[in-house]
Amino acid sequence: MKISENVTQIVQKDYVTKDEFYKICGISKKTARKLLIDRKIQFEKCSTGSTYFYKIPLSEVERYKQEKLRGKIINEKQSMKIRLYFKKKLKGYGDVINLLDICVVTGYGKEGVRKWINSGKLLGVISKGSFKIAKEDLLDFLTSSYYQNIVRKSDVHKEDEKVISLSYNK
């Protein structure tokens, strides 16, 4: 069955199953299960003899997607304030910054920074066996929704957020 046929079938129903829910929302099975157990998503538990399944209304799927999206959006004004803060923080660095300096600035380890670069979230190049990142590209990354919405933040990241909210949200 093609994806378009799956989507058509889902739209024709008033509900989705847990498996459809986690795929549509781009979350893991475990996260979907936790949302259901914690009653953060409304559902109806149904059974077909010895097995059971969840019927999740499409309105709940849409509500969850909107809430998830709302948390990830940074408006233009916030982005400018965050950029100004990080520009000041990076003032002592040159136009090209190495991996270790990024670790110091962000508080994340080398492997985490390498993953950002390898996945294309942070633009960087390898020069003489080490990663080099343009300061402007680092600023773009630090003001991105991806960086701002990292779930497991480093201590430095948390401290930066406190300073930004105290200094720039007046």
Protein backbone atom coordinates (compact mmCIF):
# COMPACT_ATOMS: atom_id res chain seq x y z
CA MET A 1 0.00 0.00 0.00
CA LYS A 2 1.32 3.45 -0.90
CA ILE A 3 1.65 6.28 1.62
CA SER A 4 -1.03 8.32 -0.16
CA GLU A 5 -3.46 5.40 0.19
CA ASN A 6 -2.65 5.20 3.94
CA VAL A 7 -3.26 8.93 4.36
CA THR A 8 -6.55 8.66 2.45
CA GLN A 9 -7.69 5.82 4.69
CA ILE A 10 -6.77 7.77 7.83
CA VAL A 11 -8.61 10.90 6.64
CA GLN A 12 -11.73 8.85 5.97
CA LYS A 13 -11.79 7.73 9.64
CA ASP A 14 -12.53 9.93 12.63
CA TYR A 15 -9.70 8.39 14.64
CA VAL A 16 -6.22 6.89 14.39
CA THR A 17 -4.50 4.05 16.23
CA LYS A 18 -1.47 4.50 18.49
CA ASP A 19 0.83 3.30 15.67
CA GLU A 20 -0.66 5.83 13.25
CA PHE A 21 -0.50 8.54 15.94
CA TYR A 22 3.22 8.23 16.62
CA LYS A 23 4.05 8.11 12.91
CA ILE A 24 1.94 11.17 12.08
CA CYS A 25 3.37 13.18 14.99
CA GLY A 26 6.98 12.12 14.44
CA ILE A 27 7.43 10.75 17.95
CA SER A 28 8.56 7.38 19.27
CA LYS A 29 6.24 4.54 20.25
CA LYS A 30 7.38 4.99 23.84
CA THR A 31 6.48 8.70 23.81
CA ALA A 32 3.06 7.95 22.30
CA ARG A 33 2.41 5.32 24.97
CA LYS A 34 3.45 7.73 27.74
CA LEU A 35 1.15 10.44 26.39
CA LEU A 36 -1.73 7.97 26.47
CA ILE A 37 -0.92 6.61 29.94
CA ASP A 38 -0.57 10.13 31.36
CA ARG A 39 -3.89 11.05 29.73
CA LYS A 40 -2.34 13.96 27.84
CA ILE A 41 -4.09 12.67 24.74
CA GLN A 42 -7.77 11.70 24.82
CA PHE A 43 -8.53 8.22 23.53
CA GLU A 44 -10.97 5.36 23.62
CA LYS A 45 -9.67 1.91 24.51
CA CYS A 46 -11.29 -0.77 22.34
CA SER A 47 -10.92 -4.52 22.14
CA THR A 48 -11.41 -7.19 19.55
CA GLY A 49 -11.63 -10.28 21.70
CA SER A 50 -8.23 -10.96 23.23
CA THR A 51 -6.46 -7.85 21.85
CA TYR A 52 -7.08 -4.20 22.44
CA PHE A 53 -6.21 -0.96 20.65
CA TYR A 54 -6.52 2.78 21.14
CA LYS A 55 -8.81 4.99 19.08
CA ILE A 56 -7.39 8.52 19.14
CA PRO A 57 -9.63 11.24 17.64
CA LEU A 58 -8.09 13.17 14.74
CA SER A 59 -8.84 16.38 16.63
CA GLU A 60 -6.49 15.18 19.41
CA VAL A 61 -3.76 14.43 16.87
CA GLU A 62 -4.09 17.92 15.43
CA ARG A 63 -4.12 19.51 18.90
CA TYR A 64 -0.95 17.65 19.87
CA LYS A 65 0.81 18.62 16.64
CA GLN A 66 -0.11 22.28 17.16
CA GLU A 67 1.15 22.27 20.76
CA LYS A 68 4.38 20.59 19.70
CA LEU A 69 4.85 23.12 16.90
CA ARG A 70 4.08 26.10 19.17
CA GLY A 71 6.92 25.16 21.48
CA LYS A 72 9.40 25.09 18.62
CA ILE A 73 8.66 28.41 17.00
CA ILE A 74 10.89 31.35 17.80
CA ASN A 75 9.61 34.67 16.58
CA GLU A 76 11.78 37.29 14.86
CA LYS A 77 12.09 39.49 17.95
CA GLN A 78 13.22 36.58 20.16
CA SER A 79 15.67 35.45 17.49
CA MET A 80 17.26 38.92 17.31
CA LYS A 81 17.63 39.09 21.12
CA ILE A 82 19.21 35.64 21.26
CA ARG A 83 21.54 36.52 18.37
CA LEU A 84 22.63 39.74 20.11
CA TYR A 85 23.41 37.81 23.30
CA PHE A 86 25.51 35.20 21.47
CA LYS A 87 27.27 37.89 19.39
CA LYS A 88 28.46 39.44 22.64
CA LYS A 89 29.42 36.02 24.02
CA LEU A 90 31.48 35.22 20.90
CA LYS A 91 33.15 38.65 20.72
CA GLY A 92 36.60 37.33 21.72
CA TYR A 93 36.60 34.61 19.05
CA GLY A 94 37.81 34.93 15.46
CA ASP A 95 35.68 34.61 12.32
CA VAL A 96 36.36 30.85 12.26
CA ILE A 97 35.80 28.81 15.42
CA ASN A 98 37.08 25.32 16.15
CA LEU A 99 35.22 22.39 17.67
CA LEU A 100 36.69 22.74 21.17
CA ASP A 101 35.72 26.42 21.38
CA ILE A 102 32.15 25.52 20.41
CA CYS A 103 32.16 22.96 23.23
CA VAL A 104 33.17 25.72 25.65
CA VAL A 105 30.57 28.18 24.30
CA THR A 106 27.67 25.69 24.33
CA GLY A 107 28.63 23.34 27.15
CA TYR A 108 28.07 20.29 24.96
CA GLY A 109 30.69 17.60 24.29
CA LYS A 110 32.74 17.04 21.14
CA GLU A 111 30.58 14.14 19.99
CA GLY A 112 27.39 16.18 20.29
CA VAL A 113 28.88 19.04 18.28
CA ARG A 114 30.19 16.57 15.66
CA LYS A 115 26.68 15.12 15.34
CA TRP A 116 25.27 18.60 14.71
CA ILE A 117 27.84 19.12 11.96
CA ASN A 118 27.50 15.66 10.41
CA SER A 119 23.70 15.95 10.34
CA GLY A 120 23.87 19.37 8.66
CA LYS A 121 22.27 21.25 11.55
CA LEU A 122 25.50 23.21 12.07
CA LEU A 123 27.51 24.14 9.00
CA GLY A 124 31.18 23.26 9.30
CA VAL A 125 34.15 22.00 7.30
CA ILE A 126 37.10 19.78 8.06
CA SER A 127 40.40 21.59 7.73
CA LYS A 128 43.72 19.97 8.63
CA GLY A 129 41.92 17.14 10.41
CA SER A 130 39.63 19.26 12.59
CA PHE A 131 36.23 20.90 12.24
CA LYS A 132 36.08 24.64 11.55
CA ILE A 133 32.87 26.64 11.78
CA ALA A 134 32.26 30.20 10.60
CA LYS A 135 31.12 32.48 13.44
CA GLU A 136 28.04 33.55 11.43
CA ASP A 137 27.06 29.90 10.87
CA LEU A 138 27.44 29.25 14.60
CA LEU A 139 25.25 32.28 15.37
CA ASP A 140 22.61 30.96 12.94
CA PHE A 141 22.70 27.60 14.70
CA LEU A 142 22.54 29.08 18.22
CA THR A 143 19.45 31.09 17.27
CA SER A 144 17.76 28.17 15.48
CA SER A 145 14.63 26.47 16.77
CA TYR A 146 16.57 23.22 16.88
CA TYR A 147 19.18 24.54 19.33
CA GLN A 148 16.69 26.48 21.44
CA ASN A 149 14.46 23.42 21.84
CA ILE A 150 17.07 20.84 22.81
CA VAL A 151 15.43 18.78 25.53
CA ARG A 152 18.50 17.72 27.53
CA LYS A 153 20.28 21.06 27.82
CA SER A 154 23.83 21.50 29.06
CA ASP A 155 24.44 23.60 32.18
CA VAL A 156 25.94 26.34 29.98
CA HIS A 157 22.86 26.28 27.73
CA LYS A 158 20.56 26.59 30.76
CA GLU A 159 22.61 29.49 32.11
CA ASP A 160 22.52 31.23 28.71
CA GLU A 161 18.73 30.90 28.67
CA LYS A 162 18.47 32.46 32.13
CA VAL A 163 20.66 35.40 31.15
CA ILE A 164 18.76 35.91 27.89
CA SER A 165 15.37 35.82 29.63
CA LEU A 166 16.51 38.22 32.38
CA SER A 167 18.45 40.66 30.19
CA TYR A 168 16.56 40.69 26.95
CA ASN A 169 12.93 40.01 27.78
CA LYS A 170 12.29 43.34 29.46
